[in-house]
Amino acid sequence: MTLRSYIWGIRSVTLLSFVVFVSVIYFVDPDSSGLAGKLLFYVSLFFVFSGVFNLFLLALRRRSFINEETTFTSISLSFRQGFLLSCFAVGLLILQSFRMLIWWDGLLLLAGIFMVEIYFASKGD
């Protein structure tokens, strides 16, 4: 798989996730659907955030590295960090929906995500 095909695949999945997210917002009533509607909302938002963060981090790495081979090796790093950033963003939104988001709770969530990233970085990919 080339880098170009990977980027187009991620773009397609992100666009499809965005369409699902918009349709969940448009068609699902959060009051009558209960837990299933909220779960659908957060899962679709997670996939949108994951794709956007993955593409953003990959674009940053493509601009900072000169050759395509080193960018291709950083795909797993961009994917992992995009996944963790979307976990952080959706986690903040879930805390806010329960009216539990206070600045130190956000920092604790950030510290937890940071510890997971340090664990995977120490393993050496």
PDB file of N, CA and C in Angstrom:
ATOM      1  N   MET A   1       0.839  -1.169   0.000  1.00  0.00           N
ATOM      2  CA  MET A   1       0.000   0.000   0.000  1.00  0.00           C
ATOM      3  C   MET A   1       0.891   1.242   0.000  1.00  0.00           C
ATOM      4  N   THR A   2       0.581   2.134  -0.873  1.00  0.00           N
ATOM      5  CA  THR A   2       1.354   3.365  -0.931  1.00  0.00           C
ATOM      6  C   THR A   2       0.795   4.379   0.067  1.00  0.00           C
ATOM      7  N   LEU A   3       1.567   5.394   0.299  1.00  0.00           N
ATOM      8  CA  LEU A   3       1.141   6.448   1.222  1.00  0.00           C
ATOM      9  C   LEU A   3      -0.071   7.186   0.673  1.00  0.00           C
ATOM     10  N   ARG A   4      -0.089   7.399  -0.616  1.00  0.00           N
ATOM     11  CA  ARG A   4      -1.215   8.097  -1.243  1.00  0.00           C
ATOM     12  C   ARG A   4      -2.517   7.302  -1.095  1.00  0.00           C
ATOM     13  N   SER A   5      -2.460   6.002  -1.266  1.00  0.00           N
ATOM     14  CA  SER A   5      -3.675   5.188  -1.122  1.00  0.00           C
ATOM     15  C   SER A   5      -4.124   5.126   0.338  1.00  0.00           C
ATOM     16  N   TYR A   6      -3.172   5.128   1.265  1.00  0.00           N
ATOM     17  CA  TYR A   6      -3.532   5.154   2.680  1.00  0.00           C
ATOM     18  C   TYR A   6      -4.250   6.456   3.033  1.00  0.00           C
ATOM     19  N   ILE A   7      -3.727   7.580   2.534  1.00  0.00           N
ATOM     20  CA  ILE A   7      -4.341   8.869   2.826  1.00  0.00           C
ATOM     21  C   ILE A   7      -5.735   8.957   2.210  1.00  0.00           C
ATOM     22  N   TRP A   8      -5.900   8.472   0.989  1.00  0.00           N
ATOM     23  CA  TRP A   8      -7.226   8.492   0.377  1.00  0.00           C
ATOM     24  C   TRP A   8      -8.190   7.569   1.110  1.00  0.00           C
ATOM     25  N   GLY A   9      -7.692   6.452   1.603  1.00  0.00           N
ATOM     26  CA  GLY A   9      -8.550   5.559   2.386  1.00  0.00           C
ATOM     27  C   GLY A   9      -9.006   6.210   3.682  1.00  0.00           C
ATOM     28  N   ILE A  10      -8.096   6.861   4.363  1.00  0.00           N
ATOM     29  CA  ILE A  10      -8.456   7.553   5.611  1.00  0.00           C
ATOM     30  C   ILE A  10      -9.406   8.711   5.324  1.00  0.00           C
ATOM     31  N   ARG A  11      -9.181   9.421   4.233  1.00  0.00           N
ATOM     32  CA  ARG A  11     -10.103  10.497   3.863  1.00  0.00           C
ATOM     33  C   ARG A  11     -11.501   9.967   3.595  1.00  0.00           C
ATOM     34  N   SER A  12     -11.587   8.842   2.900  1.00  0.00           N
ATOM     35  CA  SER A  12     -12.891   8.252   2.579  1.00  0.00           C
ATOM     36  C   SER A  12     -13.616   7.793   3.840  1.00  0.00           C
ATOM     37  N   VAL A  13     -12.888   7.136   4.722  1.00  0.00           N
ATOM     38  CA  VAL A  13     -13.496   6.662   5.964  1.00  0.00           C
ATOM     39  C   VAL A  13     -13.913   7.842   6.840  1.00  0.00           C
ATOM     40  N   THR A  14     -13.118   8.888   6.867  1.00  0.00           N
ATOM     41  CA  THR A  14     -13.458  10.073   7.648  1.00  0.00           C
ATOM     42  C   THR A  14     -14.692  10.753   7.077  1.00  0.00           C
ATOM     43  N   LEU A  15     -14.774  10.853   5.762  1.00  0.00           N
ATOM     44  CA  LEU A  15     -15.944  11.452   5.133  1.00  0.00           C
ATOM     45  C   LEU A  15     -17.191  10.614   5.404  1.00  0.00           C
ATOM     46  N   LEU A  16     -17.081   9.299   5.308  1.00  0.00           N
ATOM     47  CA  LEU A  16     -18.203   8.426   5.618  1.00  0.00           C
ATOM     48  C   LEU A  16     -18.610   8.557   7.087  1.00  0.00           C
ATOM     49  N   SER A  17     -17.641   8.655   7.971  1.00  0.00           N
ATOM     50  CA  SER A  17     -17.932   8.839   9.390  1.00  0.00           C
ATOM     51  C   SER A  17     -18.623  10.175   9.635  1.00  0.00           C
ATOM     52  N   PHE A  18     -18.215  11.215   8.893  1.00  0.00           N
ATOM     53  CA  PHE A  18     -18.856  12.510   9.039  1.00  0.00           C
ATOM     54  C   PHE A  18     -20.308  12.456   8.567  1.00  0.00           C
ATOM     55  N   VAL A  19     -20.565  11.732   7.483  1.00  0.00           N
ATOM     56  CA  VAL A  19     -21.940  11.580   6.997  1.00  0.00           C
ATOM     57  C   VAL A  19     -22.777  10.836   8.032  1.00  0.00           C
ATOM     58  N   VAL A  20     -22.216   9.801   8.642  1.00  0.00           N
ATOM     59  CA  VAL A  20     -22.929   9.068   9.693  1.00  0.00           C
ATOM     60  C   VAL A  20     -23.179   9.971  10.892  1.00  0.00           C
ATOM     61  N   PHE A  21     -22.193  10.786  11.259  1.00  0.00           N
ATOM     62  CA  PHE A  21     -22.340  11.697  12.392  1.00  0.00           C
ATOM     63  C   PHE A  21     -23.446  12.718  12.138  1.00  0.00           C
ATOM     64  N   VAL A  22     -23.478  13.292  10.948  1.00  0.00           N
ATOM     65  CA  VAL A  22     -24.515  14.267  10.617  1.00  0.00           C
ATOM     66  C   VAL A  22     -25.880  13.604  10.590  1.00  0.00           C
ATOM     67  N   SER A  23     -25.955  12.385  10.075  1.00  0.00           N
ATOM     68  CA  SER A  23     -27.249  11.687  10.058  1.00  0.00           C
ATOM     69  C   SER A  23     -27.692  11.311  11.468  1.00  0.00           C
ATOM     70  N   VAL A  24     -26.774  10.997  12.363  1.00  0.00           N
ATOM     71  CA  VAL A  24     -27.143  10.734  13.752  1.00  0.00           C
ATOM     72  C   VAL A  24     -27.685  12.002  14.393  1.00  0.00           C
ATOM     73  N   ILE A  25     -27.051  13.131  14.131  1.00  0.00           N
ATOM     74  CA  ILE A  25     -27.532  14.400  14.676  1.00  0.00           C
ATOM     75  C   ILE A  25     -28.921  14.726  14.117  1.00  0.00           C
ATOM     76  N   TYR A  26     -29.122  14.461  12.836  1.00  0.00           N
ATOM     77  CA  TYR A  26     -30.370  14.830  12.191  1.00  0.00           C
ATOM     78  C   TYR A  26     -31.516  13.876  12.532  1.00  0.00           C
ATOM     79  N   PHE A  27     -31.248  12.574  12.592  1.00  0.00           N
ATOM     80  CA  PHE A  27     -32.333  11.604  12.712  1.00  0.00           C
ATOM     81  C   PHE A  27     -32.563  11.051  14.119  1.00  0.00           C
ATOM     82  N   VAL A  28     -31.603  11.161  15.016  1.00  0.00           N
ATOM     83  CA  VAL A  28     -31.734  10.525  16.328  1.00  0.00           C
ATOM     84  C   VAL A  28     -32.112  11.579  17.368  1.00  0.00           C
ATOM     85  N   ASP A  29     -33.195  11.312  18.074  1.00  0.00           N
ATOM     86  CA  ASP A  29     -33.625  12.187  19.158  1.00  0.00           C
ATOM     87  C   ASP A  29     -32.980  11.701  20.451  1.00  0.00           C
ATOM     88  N   PRO A  30     -32.129  12.521  21.086  1.00  0.00           N
ATOM     89  CA  PRO A  30     -31.415  12.040  22.274  1.00  0.00           C
ATOM     90  C   PRO A  30     -32.329  11.808  23.480  1.00  0.00           C
ATOM     91  N   ASP A  31     -33.487  12.465  23.520  1.00  0.00           N
ATOM     92  CA  ASP A  31     -34.391  12.269  24.652  1.00  0.00           C
ATOM     93  C   ASP A  31     -35.130  10.937  24.572  1.00  0.00           C
ATOM     94  N   SER A  32     -35.563  10.563  23.373  1.00  0.00           N
ATOM     95  CA  SER A  32     -36.337   9.332  23.248  1.00  0.00           C
ATOM     96  C   SER A  32     -35.472   8.096  22.993  1.00  0.00           C
ATOM     97  N   SER A  33     -34.275   8.265  22.483  1.00  0.00           N
ATOM     98  CA  SER A  33     -33.454   7.100  22.144  1.00  0.00           C
ATOM     99  C   SER A  33     -32.675   6.559  23.332  1.00  0.00           C
ATOM    100  N   GLY A  34     -32.445   7.384  24.330  1.00  0.00           N
ATOM    101  CA  GLY A  34     -31.767   6.923  25.539  1.00  0.00           C
ATOM    102  C   GLY A  34     -30.287   6.667  25.321  1.00  0.00           C
ATOM    103  N   LEU A  35     -29.803   5.589  25.910  1.00  0.00           N
ATOM    104  CA  LEU A  35     -28.376   5.263  25.874  1.00  0.00           C
ATOM    105  C   LEU A  35     -27.899   4.922  24.474  1.00  0.00           C
ATOM    106  N   ALA A  36     -28.727   4.258  23.688  1.00  0.00           N
ATOM    107  CA  ALA A  36     -28.314   3.857  22.334  1.00  0.00           C
ATOM    108  C   ALA A  36     -28.044   5.073  21.455  1.00  0.00           C
ATOM    109  N   GLY A  37     -28.871   6.100  21.560  1.00  0.00           N
ATOM    110  CA  GLY A  37     -28.657   7.308  20.757  1.00  0.00           C
ATOM    111  C   GLY A  37     -27.402   8.048  21.167  1.00  0.00           C
ATOM    112  N   LYS A  38     -27.170   8.138  22.457  1.00  0.00           N
ATOM    113  CA  LYS A  38     -25.961   8.817  22.923  1.00  0.00           C
ATOM    114  C   LYS A  38     -24.711   8.033  22.545  1.00  0.00           C
ATOM    115  N   LEU A  39     -24.801   6.707  22.639  1.00  0.00           N
ATOM    116  CA  LEU A  39     -23.665   5.873  22.251  1.00  0.00           C
ATOM    117  C   LEU A  39     -23.370   6.014  20.768  1.00  0.00           C
ATOM    118  N   LEU A  40     -24.400   6.038  19.940  1.00  0.00           N
ATOM    119  CA  LEU A  40     -24.211   6.247  18.506  1.00  0.00           C
ATOM    120  C   LEU A  40     -23.572   7.598  18.227  1.00  0.00           C
ATOM    121  N   PHE A  41     -24.002   8.621  18.947  1.00  0.00           N
ATOM    122  CA  PHE A  41     -23.449   9.960  18.770  1.00  0.00           C
ATOM    123  C   PHE A  41     -21.967   9.974  19.100  1.00  0.00           C
ATOM    124  N   TYR A  42     -21.602   9.424  20.256  1.00  0.00           N
ATOM    125  CA  TYR A  42     -20.202   9.497  20.671  1.00  0.00           C
ATOM    126  C   TYR A  42     -19.298   8.600  19.836  1.00  0.00           C
ATOM    127  N   VAL A  43     -19.789   7.454  19.405  1.00  0.00           N
ATOM    128  CA  VAL A  43     -18.968   6.568  18.569  1.00  0.00           C
ATOM    129  C   VAL A  43     -18.734   7.189  17.192  1.00  0.00           C
ATOM    130  N   SER A  44     -19.775   7.755  16.608  1.00  0.00           N
ATOM    131  CA  SER A  44     -19.584   8.383  15.290  1.00  0.00           C
ATOM    132  C   SER A  44     -18.689   9.618  15.404  1.00  0.00           C
ATOM    133  N   LEU A  45     -18.832  10.382  16.485  1.00  0.00           N
ATOM    134  CA  LEU A  45     -17.954  11.529  16.697  1.00  0.00           C
ATOM    135  C   LEU A  45     -16.514  11.078  16.924  1.00  0.00           C
ATOM    136  N   PHE A  46     -16.337   9.954  17.608  1.00  0.00           N
ATOM    137  CA  PHE A  46     -14.998   9.411  17.826  1.00  0.00           C
ATOM    138  C   PHE A  46     -14.320   9.078  16.500  1.00  0.00           C
ATOM    139  N   PHE A  47     -15.043   8.450  15.590  1.00  0.00           N
ATOM    140  CA  PHE A  47     -14.456   8.094  14.303  1.00  0.00           C
ATOM    141  C   PHE A  47     -14.145   9.330  13.459  1.00  0.00           C
ATOM    142  N   VAL A  48     -14.989  10.351  13.538  1.00  0.00           N
ATOM    143  CA  VAL A  48     -14.702  11.592  12.816  1.00  0.00           C
ATOM    144  C   VAL A  48     -13.439  12.241  13.375  1.00  0.00           C
ATOM    145  N   PHE A  49     -13.372  12.376  14.701  1.00  0.00           N
ATOM    146  CA  PHE A  49     -12.186  12.968  15.320  1.00  0.00           C
ATOM    147  C   PHE A  49     -10.934  12.153  15.027  1.00  0.00           C
ATOM    148  N   SER A  50     -11.052  10.841  15.087  1.00  0.00           N
ATOM    149  CA  SER A  50      -9.892   9.986  14.844  1.00  0.00           C
ATOM    150  C   SER A  50      -9.352  10.178  13.428  1.00  0.00           C
ATOM    151  N   GLY A  51     -10.230  10.226  12.450  1.00  0.00           N
ATOM    152  CA  GLY A  51      -9.782  10.434  11.080  1.00  0.00           C
ATOM    153  C   GLY A  51      -9.186  11.806  10.853  1.00  0.00           C
ATOM    154  N   VAL A  52      -9.821  12.836  11.420  1.00  0.00           N
ATOM    155  CA  VAL A  52      -9.324  14.200  11.237  1.00  0.00           C
ATOM    156  C   VAL A  52      -7.971  14.368  11.916  1.00  0.00           C
ATOM    157  N   PHE A  53      -7.845  13.885  13.143  1.00  0.00           N
ATOM    158  CA  PHE A  53      -6.566  13.999  13.842  1.00  0.00           C
ATOM    159  C   PHE A  53      -5.482  13.186  13.149  1.00  0.00           C
ATOM    160  N   ASN A  54      -5.833  12.023  12.644  1.00  0.00           N
ATOM    161  CA  ASN A  54      -4.866  11.183  11.936  1.00  0.00           C
ATOM    162  C   ASN A  54      -4.369  11.900  10.685  1.00  0.00           C
ATOM    163  N   LEU A  55      -5.278  12.460   9.911  1.00  0.00           N
ATOM    164  CA  LEU A  55      -4.869  13.172   8.703  1.00  0.00           C
ATOM    165  C   LEU A  55      -4.058  14.424   9.032  1.00  0.00           C
ATOM    166  N   PHE A  56      -4.436  15.142  10.079  1.00  0.00           N
ATOM    167  CA  PHE A  56      -3.713  16.343  10.471  1.00  0.00           C
ATOM    168  C   PHE A  56      -2.289  16.004  10.914  1.00  0.00           C
ATOM    169  N   LEU A  57      -2.148  14.987  11.762  1.00  0.00           N
ATOM    170  CA  LEU A  57      -0.818  14.622  12.239  1.00  0.00           C
ATOM    171  C   LEU A  57       0.044  14.059  11.117  1.00  0.00           C
ATOM    172  N   LEU A  58      -0.565  13.336  10.209  1.00  0.00           N
ATOM    173  CA  LEU A  58       0.190  12.809   9.070  1.00  0.00           C
ATOM    174  C   LEU A  58       0.644  13.944   8.149  1.00  0.00           C
ATOM    175  N   ALA A  59      -0.202  14.952   7.967  1.00  0.00           N
ATOM    176  CA  ALA A  59       0.195  16.101   7.147  1.00  0.00           C
ATOM    177  C   ALA A  59       1.339  16.871   7.807  1.00  0.00           C
ATOM    178  N   LEU A  60       1.297  16.998   9.122  1.00  0.00           N
ATOM    179  CA  LEU A  60       2.405  17.651   9.822  1.00  0.00           C
ATOM    180  C   LEU A  60       3.704  16.878   9.642  1.00  0.00           C
ATOM    181  N   ARG A  61       3.633  15.575   9.724  1.00  0.00           N
ATOM    182  CA  ARG A  61       4.833  14.758   9.566  1.00  0.00           C
ATOM    183  C   ARG A  61       5.335  14.768   8.124  1.00  0.00           C
ATOM    184  N   ARG A  62       4.436  14.848   7.173  1.00  0.00           N
ATOM    185  CA  ARG A  62       4.857  14.907   5.770  1.00  0.00           C
ATOM    186  C   ARG A  62       5.578  16.206   5.466  1.00  0.00           C
ATOM    187  N   ARG A  63       5.177  17.276   6.116  1.00  0.00           N
ATOM    188  CA  ARG A  63       5.833  18.568   5.880  1.00  0.00           C
ATOM    189  C   ARG A  63       7.167  18.654   6.593  1.00  0.00           C
ATOM    190  N   SER A  64       7.291  17.966   7.726  1.00  0.00           N
ATOM    191  CA  SER A  64       8.542  18.080   8.474  1.00  0.00           C
ATOM    192  C   SER A  64       9.616  17.132   7.944  1.00  0.00           C
ATOM    193  N   PHE A  65       9.222  16.015   7.348  1.00  0.00           N
ATOM    194  CA  PHE A  65      10.191  15.067   6.801  1.00  0.00           C
ATOM    195  C   PHE A  65      10.335  15.309   5.309  1.00  0.00           C
ATOM    196  N   ILE A  66      11.539  15.106   4.824  1.00  0.00           N
ATOM    197  CA  ILE A  66      11.820  15.377   3.419  1.00  0.00           C
ATOM    198  C   ILE A  66      11.379  14.209   2.530  1.00  0.00           C
ATOM    199  N   ASN A  67      11.813  13.006   2.867  1.00  0.00           N
ATOM    200  CA  ASN A  67      11.512  11.879   1.983  1.00  0.00           C
ATOM    201  C   ASN A  67      10.249  11.147   2.442  1.00  0.00           C
ATOM    202  N   GLU A  68       9.684  10.393   1.509  1.00  0.00           N
ATOM    203  CA  GLU A  68       8.409   9.728   1.761  1.00  0.00           C
ATOM    204  C   GLU A  68       8.578   8.464   2.609  1.00  0.00           C
ATOM    205  N   GLU A  69       9.761   7.880   2.626  1.00  0.00           N
ATOM    206  CA  GLU A  69       9.977   6.650   3.386  1.00  0.00           C
ATOM    207  C   GLU A  69       9.875   6.887   4.884  1.00  0.00           C
ATOM    208  N   THR A  70      10.432   7.978   5.369  1.00  0.00           N
ATOM    209  CA  THR A  70      10.333   8.258   6.804  1.00  0.00           C
ATOM    210  C   THR A  70       8.910   8.661   7.182  1.00  0.00           C
ATOM    211  N   THR A  71       8.195   9.285   6.258  1.00  0.00           N
ATOM    212  CA  THR A  71       6.795   9.603   6.513  1.00  0.00           C
ATOM    213  C   THR A  71       5.978   8.323   6.565  1.00  0.00           C
ATOM    214  N   PHE A  72       6.301   7.370   5.703  1.00  0.00           N
ATOM    215  CA  PHE A  72       5.566   6.110   5.674  1.00  0.00           C
ATOM    216  C   PHE A  72       5.773   5.326   6.970  1.00  0.00           C
ATOM    217  N   THR A  73       6.947   5.440   7.558  1.00  0.00           N
ATOM    218  CA  THR A  73       7.177   4.747   8.827  1.00  0.00           C
ATOM    219  C   THR A  73       6.462   5.416   9.993  1.00  0.00           C
ATOM    220  N   SER A  74       6.068   6.664   9.839  1.00  0.00           N
ATOM    221  CA  SER A  74       5.386   7.351  10.932  1.00  0.00           C
ATOM    222  C   SER A  74       3.869   7.251  10.849  1.00  0.00           C
ATOM    223  N   ILE A  75       3.356   6.408   9.961  1.00  0.00           N
ATOM    224  CA  ILE A  75       1.908   6.230   9.847  1.00  0.00           C
ATOM    225  C   ILE A  75       1.342   5.643  11.133  1.00  0.00           C
ATOM    226  N   SER A  76       1.997   4.658  11.697  1.00  0.00           N
ATOM    227  CA  SER A  76       1.477   4.048  12.931  1.00  0.00           C
ATOM    228  C   SER A  76       1.497   5.038  14.086  1.00  0.00           C
ATOM    229  N   LEU A  77       2.508   5.886  14.112  1.00  0.00           N
ATOM    230  CA  LEU A  77       2.578   6.908  15.150  1.00  0.00           C
ATOM    231  C   LEU A  77       1.435   7.914  15.008  1.00  0.00           C
ATOM    232  N   SER A  78       1.159   8.353  13.798  1.00  0.00           N
ATOM    233  CA  SER A  78       0.055   9.283  13.559  1.00  0.00           C
ATOM    234  C   SER A  78      -1.282   8.637  13.885  1.00  0.00           C
ATOM    235  N   PHE A  79      -1.439   7.375  13.524  1.00  0.00           N
ATOM    236  CA  PHE A  79      -2.688   6.679  13.804  1.00  0.00           C
ATOM    237  C   PHE A  79      -2.914   6.547  15.314  1.00  0.00           C
ATOM    238  N   ARG A  80      -1.882   6.159  16.029  1.00  0.00           N
ATOM    239  CA  ARG A  80      -2.005   6.003  17.486  1.00  0.00           C
ATOM    240  C   ARG A  80      -2.289   7.336  18.164  1.00  0.00           C
ATOM    241  N   GLN A  81      -1.577   8.365  17.784  1.00  0.00           N
ATOM    242  CA  GLN A  81      -1.790   9.662  18.412  1.00  0.00           C
ATOM    243  C   GLN A  81      -3.136  10.260  18.027  1.00  0.00           C
ATOM    244  N   GLY A  82      -3.599  10.033  16.817  1.00  0.00           N
ATOM    245  CA  GLY A  82      -4.936  10.469  16.426  1.00  0.00           C
ATOM    246  C   GLY A  82      -6.011   9.760  17.219  1.00  0.00           C
ATOM    247  N   PHE A  83      -5.813   8.463  17.437  1.00  0.00           N
ATOM    248  CA  PHE A  83      -6.739   7.675  18.252  1.00  0.00           C
ATOM    249  C   PHE A  83      -6.775   8.199  19.686  1.00  0.00           C
ATOM    250  N   LEU A  84      -5.611   8.477  20.260  1.00  0.00           N
ATOM    251  CA  LEU A  84      -5.556   8.961  21.635  1.00  0.00           C
ATOM    252  C   LEU A  84      -6.122  10.373  21.769  1.00  0.00           C
ATOM    253  N   LEU A  85      -5.859  11.228  20.795  1.00  0.00           N
ATOM    254  CA  LEU A  85      -6.437  12.571  20.836  1.00  0.00           C
ATOM    255  C   LEU A  85      -7.955  12.538  20.721  1.00  0.00           C
ATOM    256  N   SER A  86      -8.476  11.640  19.912  1.00  0.00           N
ATOM    257  CA  SER A  86      -9.931  11.528  19.808  1.00  0.00           C
ATOM    258  C   SER A  86     -10.512  10.929  21.080  1.00  0.00           C
ATOM    259  N   CYS A  87      -9.801  10.021  21.738  1.00  0.00           N
ATOM    260  CA  CYS A  87     -10.245   9.526  23.050  1.00  0.00           C
ATOM    261  C   CYS A  87     -10.310  10.671  24.053  1.00  0.00           C
ATOM    262  N   PHE A  88      -9.328  11.555  24.004  1.00  0.00           N
ATOM    263  CA  PHE A  88      -9.305  12.693  24.917  1.00  0.00           C
ATOM    264  C   PHE A  88     -10.471  13.645  24.627  1.00  0.00           C
ATOM    265  N   ALA A  89     -10.694  13.963  23.363  1.00  0.00           N
ATOM    266  CA  ALA A  89     -11.763  14.906  23.013  1.00  0.00           C
ATOM    267  C   ALA A  89     -13.143  14.343  23.351  1.00  0.00           C
ATOM    268  N   VAL A  90     -13.377  13.085  23.014  1.00  0.00           N
ATOM    269  CA  VAL A  90     -14.670  12.477  23.318  1.00  0.00           C
ATOM    270  C   VAL A  90     -14.822  12.281  24.826  1.00  0.00           C
ATOM    271  N   GLY A  91     -13.731  11.971  25.513  1.00  0.00           N
ATOM    272  CA  GLY A  91     -13.785  11.857  26.968  1.00  0.00           C
ATOM    273  C   GLY A  91     -14.170  13.170  27.624  1.00  0.00           C
ATOM    274  N   LEU A  92     -13.618  14.275  27.121  1.00  0.00           N
ATOM    275  CA  LEU A  92     -14.011  15.584  27.643  1.00  0.00           C
ATOM    276  C   LEU A  92     -15.487  15.867  27.391  1.00  0.00           C
ATOM    277  N   LEU A  93     -15.979  15.500  26.219  1.00  0.00           N
ATOM    278  CA  LEU A  93     -17.385  15.723  25.910  1.00  0.00           C
ATOM    279  C   LEU A  93     -18.302  14.847  26.761  1.00  0.00           C
ATOM    280  N   ILE A  94     -17.878  13.633  27.032  1.00  0.00           N
ATOM    281  CA  ILE A  94     -18.682  12.757  27.895  1.00  0.00           C
ATOM    282  C   ILE A  94     -18.713  13.298  29.314  1.00  0.00           C
ATOM    283  N   LEU A  95     -17.569  13.739  29.807  1.00  0.00           N
ATOM    284  CA  LEU A  95     -17.552  14.353  31.135  1.00  0.00           C
ATOM    285  C   LEU A  95     -18.442  15.586  31.180  1.00  0.00           C
ATOM    286  N   GLN A  96     -18.435  16.386  30.142  1.00  0.00           N
ATOM    287  CA  GLN A  96     -19.277  17.576  30.109  1.00  0.00           C
ATOM    288  C   GLN A  96     -20.758  17.206  30.043  1.00  0.00           C
ATOM    289  N   SER A  97     -21.078  16.136  29.343  1.00  0.00           N
ATOM    290  CA  SER A  97     -22.488  15.741  29.250  1.00  0.00           C
ATOM    291  C   SER A  97     -23.027  15.264  30.593  1.00  0.00           C
ATOM    292  N   PHE A  98     -22.168  14.724  31.436  1.00  0.00           N
ATOM    293  CA  PHE A  98     -22.584  14.329  32.787  1.00  0.00           C
ATOM    294  C   PHE A  98     -22.408  15.468  33.792  1.00  0.00           C
ATOM    295  N   ARG A  99     -22.008  16.628  33.321  1.00  0.00           N
ATOM    296  CA  ARG A  99     -21.754  17.803  34.159  1.00  0.00           C
ATOM    297  C   ARG A  99     -20.695  17.522  35.226  1.00  0.00           C
ATOM    298  N   MET A 100     -19.677  16.770  34.813  1.00  0.00           N
ATOM    299  CA  MET A 100     -18.582  16.420  35.711  1.00  0.00           C
ATOM    300  C   MET A 100     -17.252  17.037  35.292  1.00  0.00           C
ATOM    301  N   LEU A 101     -17.259  17.800  34.219  1.00  0.00           N
ATOM    302  CA  LEU A 101     -16.002  18.340  33.697  1.00  0.00           C
ATOM    303  C   LEU A 101     -15.577  19.554  34.509  1.00  0.00           C
ATOM    304  N   ILE A 102     -14.493  19.381  35.197  1.00  0.00           N
ATOM    305  CA  ILE A 102     -13.828  20.456  35.921  1.00  0.00           C
ATOM    306  C   ILE A 102     -12.388  20.423  35.421  1.00  0.00           C
ATOM    307  N   TRP A 103     -11.674  21.497  35.571  1.00  0.00           N
ATOM    308  CA  TRP A 103     -10.365  21.589  34.941  1.00  0.00           C
ATOM    309  C   TRP A 103      -9.426  20.491  35.410  1.00  0.00           C
ATOM    310  N   TRP A 104      -9.501  20.072  36.673  1.00  0.00           N
ATOM    311  CA  TRP A 104      -8.580  19.030  37.125  1.00  0.00           C
ATOM    312  C   TRP A 104      -9.005  17.648  36.611  1.00  0.00           C
ATOM    313  N   ASP A 105     -10.299  17.465  36.339  1.00  0.00           N
ATOM    314  CA  ASP A 105     -10.717  16.209  35.703  1.00  0.00           C
ATOM    315  C   ASP A 105     -10.184  16.123  34.277  1.00  0.00           C
ATOM    316  N   GLY A 106     -10.201  17.249  33.580  1.00  0.00           N
ATOM    317  CA  GLY A 106      -9.623  17.286  32.239  1.00  0.00           C
ATOM    318  C   GLY A 106      -8.130  17.015  32.265  1.00  0.00           C
ATOM    319  N   LEU A 107      -7.452  17.568  33.272  1.00  0.00           N
ATOM    320  CA  LEU A 107      -6.012  17.311  33.400  1.00  0.00           C
ATOM    321  C   LEU A 107      -5.732  15.853  33.759  1.00  0.00           C
ATOM    322  N   LEU A 108      -6.585  15.247  34.582  1.00  0.00           N
ATOM    323  CA  LEU A 108      -6.412  13.822  34.905  1.00  0.00           C
ATOM    324  C   LEU A 108      -6.620  12.953  33.664  1.00  0.00           C
ATOM    325  N   LEU A 109      -7.608  13.301  32.865  1.00  0.00           N
ATOM    326  CA  LEU A 109      -7.822  12.573  31.613  1.00  0.00           C
ATOM    327  C   LEU A 109      -6.632  12.746  30.684  1.00  0.00           C
ATOM    328  N   LEU A 110      -6.116  13.967  30.592  1.00  0.00           N
ATOM    329  CA  LEU A 110      -4.931  14.221  29.775  1.00  0.00           C
ATOM    330  C   LEU A 110      -3.721  13.442  30.288  1.00  0.00           C
ATOM    331  N   ALA A 111      -3.563  13.376  31.604  1.00  0.00           N
ATOM    332  CA  ALA A 111      -2.447  12.615  32.176  1.00  0.00           C
ATOM    333  C   ALA A 111      -2.585  11.132  31.861  1.00  0.00           C
ATOM    334  N   GLY A 112      -3.800  10.609  31.913  1.00  0.00           N
ATOM    335  CA  GLY A 112      -4.015   9.202  31.569  1.00  0.00           C
ATOM    336  C   GLY A 112      -3.686   8.915  30.116  1.00  0.00           C
ATOM    337  N   ILE A 113      -4.121   9.782  29.221  1.00  0.00           N
ATOM    338  CA  ILE A 113      -3.815   9.621  27.796  1.00  0.00           C
ATOM    339  C   ILE A 113      -2.309   9.746  27.569  1.00  0.00           C
ATOM    340  N   PHE A 114      -1.687  10.689  28.266  1.00  0.00           N
ATOM    341  CA  PHE A 114      -0.240  10.888  28.144  1.00  0.00           C
ATOM    342  C   PHE A 114       0.525   9.665  28.639  1.00  0.00           C
ATOM    343  N   MET A 115       0.061   9.038  29.713  1.00  0.00           N
ATOM    344  CA  MET A 115       0.725   7.833  30.228  1.00  0.00           C
ATOM    345  C   MET A 115       0.602   6.670  29.238  1.00  0.00           C
ATOM    346  N   VAL A 116      -0.542   6.550  28.572  1.00  0.00           N
ATOM    347  CA  VAL A 116      -0.699   5.511  27.549  1.00  0.00           C
ATOM    348  C   VAL A 116       0.266   5.766  26.399  1.00  0.00           C
ATOM    349  N   GLU A 117       0.401   7.026  25.987  1.00  0.00           N
ATOM    350  CA  GLU A 117       1.330   7.373  24.908  1.00  0.00           C
ATOM    351  C   GLU A 117       2.772   7.096  25.314  1.00  0.00           C
ATOM    352  N   ILE A 118       3.132   7.407  26.533  1.00  0.00           N
ATOM    353  CA  ILE A 118       4.494   7.131  27.011  1.00  0.00           C
ATOM    354  C   ILE A 118       4.754   5.629  27.043  1.00  0.00           C
ATOM    355  N   TYR A 119       3.747   4.850  27.439  1.00  0.00           N
ATOM    356  CA  TYR A 119       3.911   3.396  27.455  1.00  0.00           C
ATOM    357  C   TYR A 119       4.205   2.871  26.052  1.00  0.00           C
ATOM    358  N   PHE A 120       3.415   3.290  25.074  1.00  0.00           N
ATOM    359  CA  PHE A 120       3.632   2.803  23.715  1.00  0.00           C
ATOM    360  C   PHE A 120       4.919   3.362  23.104  1.00  0.00           C
ATOM    361  N   ALA A 121       5.274   4.585  23.451  1.00  0.00           N
ATOM    362  CA  ALA A 121       6.530   5.155  22.941  1.00  0.00           C
ATOM    363  C   ALA A 121       7.734   4.448  23.539  1.00  0.00           C
ATOM    364  N   SER A 122       7.639   3.998  24.787  1.00  0.00           N
ATOM    365  CA  SER A 122       8.761   3.315  25.408  1.00  0.00           C
ATOM    366  C   SER A 122       8.962   1.901  24.865  1.00  0.00           C
ATOM    367  N   LYS A 123       7.876   1.306  24.328  1.00  0.00           N
ATOM    368  CA  LYS A 123       8.001  -0.007  23.715  1.00  0.00           C
ATOM    369  C   LYS A 123       8.737   0.058  22.386  1.00  0.00           C
ATOM    370  N   GLY A 124       8.817   1.258  21.806  1.00  0.00           N
ATOM    371  CA  GLY A 124       9.590   1.439  20.572  1.00  0.00           C
ATOM    372  C   GLY A 124       8.852   1.098  19.311  1.00  0.00           C
ATOM    373  N   ASP A 125       7.519   1.254  19.325  1.00  0.00           N
ATOM    374  CA  ASP A 125       6.682   0.973  18.144  1.00  0.00           C
ATOM    375  C   ASP A 125       6.987  -0.416  17.681  1.00  0.00           C
TER     376      ASP A 125
END
